[in-house]
């Protein structure tokens, strides 16, 4: 079952698109060029692949949700080029071939990735202050540029892996930053928090290093090729807690394999089963 948006329909006043439970769904370049009022796109339960190569002409999205999708071959830089802001981006249980969008000059309020694998990513550069960044059980593979996760009031990065092709930079910045059981490869990570940083069980390999900067730091059970560099209030014991961190012998930390794919595959097969019971839904709300 393959889904295309109906041709010849006037999408000028459409504000919401919802698509669910297909084998293949196509949202190609010319699908919604007239939909300048669209504020919501939800695509979920696509068992095989989603062609997501839209060119959106609206200025603001309230919600973009991509959930339980077997594979998205490409998210291109042209998709959001006219957008000024996105309130919520949520991607979950999905595999993405190439993530080319960088989010430069787009204000994003809430950004979350759960059980997502990105096979190739060029660069991320969040440029406006947001409320929350949440990444869990996800992999950023073959990163060719820098990753800039700044600035969010709340940052949580859990059980995720960041693999840079060659030594490069990752900036994580917020009011409160929590990082747990993550793996960084070839990454010079700079973590900055206005209020507090908690980092636990994180491992780095390759040519990696880490700098933590906050007035309140808790750093426990981490393994890196070099010493973690701490700045701000290191001498105030009540605000600086540093225990069981390890500098690996010869820089080889033998970091564990971290992947969200097991959960992703389970949801993939669930999505495949659901397509036989739930019809495709295309909803539009007109002014």
C-alpha atoms as a PDB file:
ATOM      1  CA  UNK A   1       0.000   0.000   0.000  1.00  0.00           C
ATOM      2  CA  UNK A   2       1.581   3.255  -1.194  1.00  0.00           C
ATOM      3  CA  UNK A   3       0.207   6.672  -0.346  1.00  0.00           C
ATOM      4  CA  UNK A   4       0.438   9.937  -2.301  1.00  0.00           C
ATOM      5  CA  UNK A   5      -1.263  13.212  -1.462  1.00  0.00           C
ATOM      6  CA  UNK A   6      -4.170  13.679  -3.898  1.00  0.00           C
ATOM      7  CA  UNK A   7      -3.264  15.763  -6.933  1.00  0.00           C
ATOM      8  CA  UNK A   8      -5.483  18.623  -7.983  1.00  0.00           C
ATOM      9  CA  UNK A   9      -6.622  19.371  -4.428  1.00  0.00           C
ATOM     10  CA  UNK A  10      -6.375  22.972  -3.245  1.00  0.00           C
ATOM     11  CA  UNK A  11      -4.117  22.863  -0.178  1.00  0.00           C
ATOM     12  CA  UNK A  12      -4.000  26.634   0.234  1.00  0.00           C
ATOM     13  CA  UNK A  13      -6.061  26.663   3.451  1.00  0.00           C
ATOM     14  CA  UNK A  14      -4.970  23.309   4.877  1.00  0.00           C
ATOM     15  CA  UNK A  15      -3.453  23.653   8.351  1.00  0.00           C
ATOM     16  CA  UNK A  16      -2.931  20.007   9.357  1.00  0.00           C
ATOM     17  CA  UNK A  17      -1.786  16.859   7.559  1.00  0.00           C
ATOM     18  CA  UNK A  18      -1.906  13.443   9.257  1.00  0.00           C
ATOM     19  CA  UNK A  19      -0.875  10.215   7.522  1.00  0.00           C
ATOM     20  CA  UNK A  20      -0.805   6.800   9.183  1.00  0.00           C
ATOM     21  CA  UNK A  21      -0.453   3.075   8.529  1.00  0.00           C
ATOM     22  CA  UNK A  22       0.969   2.688   5.035  1.00  0.00           C
ATOM     23  CA  UNK A  23       3.694   0.560   3.545  1.00  0.00           C
ATOM     24  CA  UNK A  24       5.159   3.531   1.645  1.00  0.00           C
ATOM     25  CA  UNK A  25       4.242   7.220   1.881  1.00  0.00           C
ATOM     26  CA  UNK A  26       5.386   9.938  -0.517  1.00  0.00           C
ATOM     27  CA  UNK A  27       5.632  13.575   0.494  1.00  0.00           C
ATOM     28  CA  UNK A  28       7.678  14.880  -2.399  1.00  0.00           C
ATOM     29  CA  UNK A  29       8.964  18.341  -3.311  1.00  0.00           C
ATOM     30  CA  UNK A  30       5.774  19.622  -4.966  1.00  0.00           C
ATOM     31  CA  UNK A  31       3.276  18.061  -2.533  1.00  0.00           C
ATOM     32  CA  UNK A  32       2.458  21.085  -0.369  1.00  0.00           C
ATOM     33  CA  UNK A  33       3.940  24.128  -2.087  1.00  0.00           C
ATOM     34  CA  UNK A  34       0.551  25.892  -1.920  1.00  0.00           C
ATOM     35  CA  UNK A  35      -0.021  25.059   1.763  1.00  0.00           C
ATOM     36  CA  UNK A  36       1.241  28.325   3.218  1.00  0.00           C
ATOM     37  CA  UNK A  37      -1.051  27.981   6.264  1.00  0.00           C
ATOM     38  CA  UNK A  38       0.036  24.528   7.371  1.00  0.00           C
ATOM     39  CA  UNK A  39       1.040  24.298  11.042  1.00  0.00           C
ATOM     40  CA  UNK A  40       1.041  20.550  11.757  1.00  0.00           C
ATOM     41  CA  UNK A  41       2.461  17.461  10.029  1.00  0.00           C
ATOM     42  CA  UNK A  42       2.110  14.022  11.635  1.00  0.00           C
ATOM     43  CA  UNK A  43       3.284  10.852   9.891  1.00  0.00           C
ATOM     44  CA  UNK A  44       3.333   7.530  11.729  1.00  0.00           C
ATOM     45  CA  UNK A  45       3.236   3.740  11.298  1.00  0.00           C
ATOM     46  CA  UNK A  46       4.973   3.604   7.901  1.00  0.00           C
ATOM     47  CA  UNK A  47       6.356   0.078   7.710  1.00  0.00           C
ATOM     48  CA  UNK A  48       8.704   0.446   4.717  1.00  0.00           C
ATOM     49  CA  UNK A  49       9.748   4.003   3.882  1.00  0.00           C
ATOM     50  CA  UNK A  50       8.678   7.612   3.914  1.00  0.00           C
ATOM     51  CA  UNK A  51       9.799   9.917   1.123  1.00  0.00           C
ATOM     52  CA  UNK A  52      10.009  13.181   3.054  1.00  0.00           C
ATOM     53  CA  UNK A  53      11.290  15.771   0.593  1.00  0.00           C
ATOM     54  CA  UNK A  54       8.786  18.563   1.106  1.00  0.00           C
ATOM     55  CA  UNK A  55       9.293  22.222   0.325  1.00  0.00           C
ATOM     56  CA  UNK A  56       7.214  23.997   2.964  1.00  0.00           C
ATOM     57  CA  UNK A  57       6.075  27.556   2.319  1.00  0.00           C
ATOM     58  CA  UNK A  58       4.561  28.286   5.734  1.00  0.00           C
ATOM     59  CA  UNK A  59       6.488  30.407   8.227  1.00  0.00           C
ATOM     60  CA  UNK A  60       5.664  28.533  11.427  1.00  0.00           C
ATOM     61  CA  UNK A  61       4.972  24.928  12.414  1.00  0.00           C
ATOM     62  CA  UNK A  62       3.366  24.023  15.718  1.00  0.00           C
ATOM     63  CA  UNK A  63       4.201  20.337  15.433  1.00  0.00           C
ATOM     64  CA  UNK A  64       6.222  17.990  13.255  1.00  0.00           C
ATOM     65  CA  UNK A  65       5.945  14.362  14.352  1.00  0.00           C
ATOM     66  CA  UNK A  66       7.528  11.410  12.546  1.00  0.00           C
ATOM     67  CA  UNK A  67       6.885   8.171  14.412  1.00  0.00           C
ATOM     68  CA  UNK A  68       7.404   4.438  13.823  1.00  0.00           C
ATOM     69  CA  UNK A  69       8.806   4.720  10.315  1.00  0.00           C
ATOM     70  CA  UNK A  70      10.885   1.951   8.765  1.00  0.00           C
ATOM     71  CA  UNK A  71      13.187   4.332   6.912  1.00  0.00           C
ATOM     72  CA  UNK A  72      13.367   7.931   5.724  1.00  0.00           C
ATOM     73  CA  UNK A  73      16.037   8.025   2.989  1.00  0.00           C
ATOM     74  CA  UNK A  74      16.593  11.794   3.193  1.00  0.00           C
ATOM     75  CA  UNK A  75      15.610  14.874   5.168  1.00  0.00           C
ATOM     76  CA  UNK A  76      16.929  17.648   2.948  1.00  0.00           C
ATOM     77  CA  UNK A  77      17.973  21.221   3.677  1.00  0.00           C
ATOM     78  CA  UNK A  78      15.225  22.551   1.388  1.00  0.00           C
ATOM     79  CA  UNK A  79      12.355  21.254   3.526  1.00  0.00           C
ATOM     80  CA  UNK A  80      12.371  23.957   6.226  1.00  0.00           C
ATOM     81  CA  UNK A  81      14.205  26.741   4.419  1.00  0.00           C
ATOM     82  CA  UNK A  82      11.264  29.195   4.652  1.00  0.00           C
ATOM     83  CA  UNK A  83      10.295  28.398   8.232  1.00  0.00           C
ATOM     84  CA  UNK A  84      11.042  30.871  11.006  1.00  0.00           C
ATOM     85  CA  UNK A  85      10.026  28.622  13.906  1.00  0.00           C
ATOM     86  CA  UNK A  86       8.907  25.127  14.915  1.00  0.00           C
ATOM     87  CA  UNK A  87       7.301  24.656  18.327  1.00  0.00           C
ATOM     88  CA  UNK A  88       7.784  20.884  18.582  1.00  0.00           C
ATOM     89  CA  UNK A  89       9.801  18.355  16.589  1.00  0.00           C
ATOM     90  CA  UNK A  90       9.388  14.749  17.701  1.00  0.00           C
ATOM     91  CA  UNK A  91      11.013  11.857  15.825  1.00  0.00           C
ATOM     92  CA  UNK A  92      10.759   8.364  17.289  1.00  0.00           C
ATOM     93  CA  UNK A  93      11.259   4.708  16.317  1.00  0.00           C
ATOM     94  CA  UNK A  94      12.675   5.722  12.951  1.00  0.00           C
ATOM     95  CA  UNK A  95      15.751   5.167  10.786  1.00  0.00           C
ATOM     96  CA  UNK A  96      17.021   8.073   8.657  1.00  0.00           C
ATOM     97  CA  UNK A  97      19.495   7.620   5.819  1.00  0.00           C
ATOM     98  CA  UNK A  98      20.828  11.168   5.411  1.00  0.00           C
ATOM     99  CA  UNK A  99      19.901  14.072   7.697  1.00  0.00           C
ATOM    100  CA  UNK A 100      20.961  17.155   5.728  1.00  0.00           C
ATOM    101  CA  UNK A 101      18.843  19.764   7.565  1.00  0.00           C
ATOM    102  CA  UNK A 102      20.933  21.912   9.945  1.00  0.00           C
ATOM    103  CA  UNK A 103      18.181  24.025  11.602  1.00  0.00           C
ATOM    104  CA  UNK A 104      20.238  27.189  11.192  1.00  0.00           C
ATOM    105  CA  UNK A 105      18.077  30.319  11.622  1.00  0.00           C
ATOM    106  CA  UNK A 106      15.038  28.320  12.799  1.00  0.00           C
ATOM    107  CA  UNK A 107      13.740  28.824  16.344  1.00  0.00           C
ATOM    108  CA  UNK A 108      12.872  25.396  17.777  1.00  0.00           C
ATOM    109  CA  UNK A 109      11.117  25.302  21.145  1.00  0.00           C
ATOM    110  CA  UNK A 110      11.051  21.548  21.862  1.00  0.00           C
ATOM    111  CA  UNK A 111      13.165  18.926  20.104  1.00  0.00           C
ATOM    112  CA  UNK A 112      13.113  15.198  20.847  1.00  0.00           C
ATOM    113  CA  UNK A 113      14.537  12.042  19.277  1.00  0.00           C
ATOM    114  CA  UNK A 114      13.734   8.635  20.762  1.00  0.00           C
ATOM    115  CA  UNK A 115      14.934   5.331  19.263  1.00  0.00           C
ATOM    116  CA  UNK A 116      16.292   7.026  16.146  1.00  0.00           C
ATOM    117  CA  UNK A 117      19.277   6.027  14.027  1.00  0.00           C
ATOM    118  CA  UNK A 118      20.738   8.556  11.590  1.00  0.00           C
ATOM    119  CA  UNK A 119      23.155   6.892   9.181  1.00  0.00           C
ATOM    120  CA  UNK A 120      24.721  10.128   7.982  1.00  0.00           C
ATOM    121  CA  UNK A 121      24.402  13.680   9.235  1.00  0.00           C
ATOM    122  CA  UNK A 122      26.133  16.789   7.935  1.00  0.00           C
ATOM    123  CA  UNK A 123      25.844  19.293  10.762  1.00  0.00           C
ATOM    124  CA  UNK A 124      23.415  20.621  13.365  1.00  0.00           C
ATOM    125  CA  UNK A 125      23.389  24.248  14.415  1.00  0.00           C
ATOM    126  CA  UNK A 126      20.467  25.278  16.615  1.00  0.00           C
ATOM    127  CA  UNK A 127      20.550  29.058  16.708  1.00  0.00           C
ATOM    128  CA  UNK A 128      17.739  30.260  19.004  1.00  0.00           C
ATOM    129  CA  UNK A 129      16.949  29.534  22.646  1.00  0.00           C
ATOM    130  CA  UNK A 130      14.484  26.697  23.143  1.00  0.00           C
ATOM    131  CA  UNK A 131      12.793  25.056  26.112  1.00  0.00           C
ATOM    132  CA  UNK A 132      13.741  21.369  25.906  1.00  0.00           C
ATOM    133  CA  UNK A 133      16.115  19.044  24.060  1.00  0.00           C
ATOM    134  CA  UNK A 134      15.548  15.322  24.677  1.00  0.00           C
ATOM    135  CA  UNK A 135      17.551  12.562  22.959  1.00  0.00           C
ATOM    136  CA  UNK A 136      17.247   8.927  24.068  1.00  0.00           C
ATOM    137  CA  UNK A 137      18.372   5.571  22.621  1.00  0.00           C
ATOM    138  CA  UNK A 138      19.561   7.231  19.426  1.00  0.00           C
ATOM    139  CA  UNK A 139      22.618   7.122  17.174  1.00  0.00           C
ATOM    140  CA  UNK A 140      24.191   9.900  15.139  1.00  0.00           C
ATOM    141  CA  UNK A 141      26.467   7.983  12.760  1.00  0.00           C
ATOM    142  CA  UNK A 142      29.003   9.346  10.275  1.00  0.00           C
ATOM    143  CA  UNK A 143      28.765  12.980  11.379  1.00  0.00           C
ATOM    144  CA  UNK A 144      30.764  15.038   8.878  1.00  0.00           C
ATOM    145  CA  UNK A 145      30.558  18.433  10.632  1.00  0.00           C
ATOM    146  CA  UNK A 146      29.977  19.858  14.102  1.00  0.00           C
ATOM    147  CA  UNK A 147      26.928  19.365  16.330  1.00  0.00           C
ATOM    148  CA  UNK A 148      25.642  22.445  18.138  1.00  0.00           C
ATOM    149  CA  UNK A 149      22.900  21.628  20.672  1.00  0.00           C
ATOM    150  CA  UNK A 150      22.413  25.122  22.031  1.00  0.00           C
ATOM    151  CA  UNK A 151      20.631  26.766  23.691  1.00  0.00           C
ATOM    152  CA  UNK A 152      17.874  24.916  25.586  1.00  0.00           C
ATOM    153  CA  UNK A 153      16.568  25.452  29.104  1.00  0.00           C
ATOM    154  CA  UNK A 154      16.509  21.696  29.736  1.00  0.00           C
ATOM    155  CA  UNK A 155      18.832  19.198  28.023  1.00  0.00           C
ATOM    156  CA  UNK A 156      18.574  15.421  28.516  1.00  0.00           C
ATOM    157  CA  UNK A 157      20.723  13.063  26.440  1.00  0.00           C
ATOM    158  CA  UNK A 158      20.403   9.409  27.449  1.00  0.00           C
ATOM    159  CA  UNK A 159      21.802   6.113  26.113  1.00  0.00           C
ATOM    160  CA  UNK A 160      22.853   7.643  22.798  1.00  0.00           C
ATOM    161  CA  UNK A 161      25.889   7.580  20.522  1.00  0.00           C
ATOM    162  CA  UNK A 162      27.600  10.356  18.565  1.00  0.00           C
ATOM    163  CA  UNK A 163      30.124   9.186  15.976  1.00  0.00           C
ATOM    164  CA  UNK A 164      32.101  11.865  14.136  1.00  0.00           C
ATOM    165  CA  UNK A 165      33.903  10.741  10.984  1.00  0.00           C
ATOM    166  CA  UNK A 166      36.937  12.835  11.884  1.00  0.00           C
ATOM    167  CA  UNK A 167      37.827  14.781  15.046  1.00  0.00           C
ATOM    168  CA  UNK A 168      35.344  17.606  15.515  1.00  0.00           C
ATOM    169  CA  UNK A 169      33.259  19.584  17.990  1.00  0.00           C
ATOM    170  CA  UNK A 170      30.042  19.026  19.906  1.00  0.00           C
ATOM    171  CA  UNK A 171      28.536  21.894  21.902  1.00  0.00           C
ATOM    172  CA  UNK A 172      25.804  21.117  24.443  1.00  0.00           C
ATOM    173  CA  UNK A 173      24.446  24.165  26.228  1.00  0.00           C
ATOM    174  CA  UNK A 174      21.478  24.835  28.486  1.00  0.00           C
ATOM    175  CA  UNK A 175      20.330  25.872  31.930  1.00  0.00           C
ATOM    176  CA  UNK A 176      20.275  22.279  33.212  1.00  0.00           C
ATOM    177  CA  UNK A 177      22.136  19.500  31.346  1.00  0.00           C
ATOM    178  CA  UNK A 178      21.791  15.782  32.108  1.00  0.00           C
ATOM    179  CA  UNK A 179      23.876  13.218  30.164  1.00  0.00           C
ATOM    180  CA  UNK A 180      23.777   9.512  31.004  1.00  0.00           C
ATOM    181  CA  UNK A 181      25.289   6.365  29.440  1.00  0.00           C
ATOM    182  CA  UNK A 182      26.276   8.018  26.173  1.00  0.00           C
ATOM    183  CA  UNK A 183      29.149   7.285  23.788  1.00  0.00           C
ATOM    184  CA  UNK A 184      31.171   9.959  21.984  1.00  0.00           C
ATOM    185  CA  UNK A 185      33.645   9.157  19.211  1.00  0.00           C
ATOM    186  CA  UNK A 186      36.208  11.626  17.798  1.00  0.00           C
ATOM    187  CA  UNK A 187      34.400  14.356  19.719  1.00  0.00           C
ATOM    188  CA  UNK A 188      35.709  17.415  21.506  1.00  0.00           C
ATOM    189  CA  UNK A 189      32.617  17.933  23.647  1.00  0.00           C
ATOM    190  CA  UNK A 190      32.014  21.235  25.402  1.00  0.00           C
ATOM    191  CA  UNK A 191      29.132  21.084  27.900  1.00  0.00           C
ATOM    192  CA  UNK A 192      27.982  24.404  29.361  1.00  0.00           C
ATOM    193  CA  UNK A 193      25.140  24.917  31.848  1.00  0.00           C
ATOM    194  CA  UNK A 194      23.955  28.058  33.614  1.00  0.00           C
ATOM    195  CA  UNK A 195      22.648  26.060  36.601  1.00  0.00           C
ATOM    196  CA  UNK A 196      23.925  22.471  36.712  1.00  0.00           C
ATOM    197  CA  UNK A 197      25.501  19.544  34.854  1.00  0.00           C
ATOM    198  CA  UNK A 198      25.016  15.892  35.741  1.00  0.00           C
ATOM    199  CA  UNK A 199      27.016  13.416  33.645  1.00  0.00           C
ATOM    200  CA  UNK A 200      27.096   9.723  34.473  1.00  0.00           C
ATOM    201  CA  UNK A 201      28.343   6.519  32.825  1.00  0.00           C
ATOM    202  CA  UNK A 202      29.505   8.223  29.642  1.00  0.00           C
ATOM    203  CA  UNK A 203      32.344   6.897  27.489  1.00  0.00           C
ATOM    204  CA  UNK A 204      34.474   8.502  24.773  1.00  0.00           C
ATOM    205  CA  UNK A 205      36.952   7.016  22.330  1.00  0.00           C
ATOM    206  CA  UNK A 206      39.043   8.027  19.364  1.00  0.00           C
ATOM    207  CA  UNK A 207      40.434  11.541  19.549  1.00  0.00           C
ATOM    208  CA  UNK A 208      37.915  12.712  22.128  1.00  0.00           C
ATOM    209  CA  UNK A 209      37.958  15.163  25.011  1.00  0.00           C
ATOM    210  CA  UNK A 210      35.409  16.837  27.280  1.00  0.00           C
ATOM    211  CA  UNK A 211      35.054  20.161  29.057  1.00  0.00           C
ATOM    212  CA  UNK A 212      32.323  20.801  31.649  1.00  0.00           C
ATOM    213  CA  UNK A 213      31.457  24.341  32.656  1.00  0.00           C
ATOM    214  CA  UNK A 214      28.859  25.129  35.334  1.00  0.00           C
ATOM    215  CA  UNK A 215      28.510  26.334  38.912  1.00  0.00           C
ATOM    216  CA  UNK A 216      27.131  22.927  39.913  1.00  0.00           C
ATOM    217  CA  UNK A 217      28.765  19.785  38.452  1.00  0.00           C
ATOM    218  CA  UNK A 218      28.288  16.095  39.238  1.00  0.00           C
ATOM    219  CA  UNK A 219      30.558  13.819  37.211  1.00  0.00           C
ATOM    220  CA  UNK A 220      30.470  10.077  37.965  1.00  0.00           C
ATOM    221  CA  UNK A 221      31.615   6.807  36.325  1.00  0.00           C
ATOM    222  CA  UNK A 222      32.825   8.326  33.065  1.00  0.00           C
ATOM    223  CA  UNK A 223      35.648   6.974  30.859  1.00  0.00           C
ATOM    224  CA  UNK A 224      37.630   9.157  28.464  1.00  0.00           C
ATOM    225  CA  UNK A 225      41.036   9.120  26.726  1.00  0.00           C
ATOM    226  CA  UNK A 226      41.991  12.324  28.600  1.00  0.00           C
ATOM    227  CA  UNK A 227      41.106  14.031  31.873  1.00  0.00           C
ATOM    228  CA  UNK A 228      37.789  15.879  31.918  1.00  0.00           C
ATOM    229  CA  UNK A 229      38.396  19.617  32.184  1.00  0.00           C
ATOM    230  CA  UNK A 230      36.210  21.390  34.747  1.00  0.00           C
ATOM    231  CA  UNK A 231      35.646  25.120  35.011  1.00  0.00           C
ATOM    232  CA  UNK A 232      33.716  27.287  37.521  1.00  0.00           C
ATOM    233  CA  UNK A 233      33.576  26.605  41.250  1.00  0.00           C
ATOM    234  CA  UNK A 234      35.726  23.493  41.181  1.00  0.00           C
ATOM    235  CA  UNK A 235      36.901  24.249  44.721  1.00  0.00           C
ATOM    236  CA  UNK A 236      33.403  24.388  46.222  1.00  0.00           C
ATOM    237  CA  UNK A 237      32.884  20.762  47.281  1.00  0.00           C
ATOM    238  CA  UNK A 238      29.148  21.096  47.829  1.00  0.00           C
ATOM    239  CA  UNK A 239      28.732  22.060  44.177  1.00  0.00           C
ATOM    240  CA  UNK A 240      31.434  19.900  42.622  1.00  0.00           C
ATOM    241  CA  UNK A 241      31.205  16.111  42.797  1.00  0.00           C
ATOM    242  CA  UNK A 242      33.761  14.053  40.877  1.00  0.00           C
ATOM    243  CA  UNK A 243      33.892  10.280  41.479  1.00  0.00           C
ATOM    244  CA  UNK A 244      35.061   7.115  39.701  1.00  0.00           C
ATOM    245  CA  UNK A 245      36.067   8.793  36.459  1.00  0.00           C
ATOM    246  CA  UNK A 246      38.721   6.944  34.445  1.00  0.00           C
ATOM    247  CA  UNK A 247      41.407   7.996  31.991  1.00  0.00           C
ATOM    248  CA  UNK A 248      41.760   4.955  29.748  1.00  0.00           C
ATOM    249  CA  UNK A 249      45.081   3.213  29.179  1.00  0.00           C
ATOM    250  CA  UNK A 250      46.568   4.291  25.831  1.00  0.00           C
ATOM    251  CA  UNK A 251      43.354   6.198  25.183  1.00  0.00           C
ATOM    252  CA  UNK A 252      41.429   2.990  24.455  1.00  0.00           C
ATOM    253  CA  UNK A 253      38.224   3.121  26.480  1.00  0.00           C
ATOM    254  CA  UNK A 254      36.514   0.160  24.771  1.00  0.00           C
ATOM    255  CA  UNK A 255      33.209   1.980  24.742  1.00  0.00           C
ATOM    256  CA  UNK A 256      30.078  -0.178  24.588  1.00  0.00           C
ATOM    257  CA  UNK A 257      27.906  -0.383  21.537  1.00  0.00           C
ATOM    258  CA  UNK A 258      25.023   2.003  22.081  1.00  0.00           C
ATOM    259  CA  UNK A 259      22.036   1.805  19.803  1.00  0.00           C
ATOM    260  CA  UNK A 260      18.330   2.497  19.754  1.00  0.00           C
ATOM    261  CA  UNK A 261      17.815  -0.011  16.974  1.00  0.00           C
ATOM    262  CA  UNK A 262      16.557  -2.930  19.077  1.00  0.00           C
ATOM    263  CA  UNK A 263      13.609  -0.909  20.263  1.00  0.00           C
ATOM    264  CA  UNK A 264      13.255   0.555  16.790  1.00  0.00           C
ATOM    265  CA  UNK A 265      12.990  -2.866  15.152  1.00  0.00           C
ATOM    266  CA  UNK A 266      10.356  -3.981  17.631  1.00  0.00           C
ATOM    267  CA  UNK A 267       8.269  -0.928  16.839  1.00  0.00           C
ATOM    268  CA  UNK A 268       8.940  -1.378  13.123  1.00  0.00           C
ATOM    269  CA  UNK A 269       7.281  -4.795  13.112  1.00  0.00           C
ATOM    270  CA  UNK A 270       4.463  -3.457  15.254  1.00  0.00           C
ATOM    271  CA  UNK A 271       3.899  -0.689  12.728  1.00  0.00           C
ATOM    272  CA  UNK A 272       3.866  -3.239   9.921  1.00  0.00           C
ATOM    273  CA  UNK A 273       1.165  -5.232  11.683  1.00  0.00           C
ATOM    274  CA  UNK A 274      -0.921  -2.165  12.456  1.00  0.00           C
ATOM    275  CA  UNK A 275      -1.196  -1.145   8.816  1.00  0.00           C
ATOM    276  CA  UNK A 276      -3.658  -3.988   8.220  1.00  0.00           C
ATOM    277  CA  UNK A 277      -6.002  -2.740  10.937  1.00  0.00           C
ATOM    278  CA  UNK A 278      -5.796   1.052  10.838  1.00  0.00           C
ATOM    279  CA  UNK A 279      -6.721   2.966   7.680  1.00  0.00           C
ATOM    280  CA  UNK A 280      -4.741   5.784   6.188  1.00  0.00           C
ATOM    281  CA  UNK A 281      -5.877   9.102   7.581  1.00  0.00           C
ATOM    282  CA  UNK A 282      -5.526  12.395   5.788  1.00  0.00           C
ATOM    283  CA  UNK A 283      -7.082  15.202   7.765  1.00  0.00           C
ATOM    284  CA  UNK A 284      -7.206  18.836   6.845  1.00  0.00           C
ATOM    285  CA  UNK A 285      -8.557  21.729   8.818  1.00  0.00           C
ATOM    286  CA  UNK A 286      -9.790  24.603   6.715  1.00  0.00           C
ATOM    287  CA  UNK A 287     -10.180  28.209   7.736  1.00  0.00           C
END
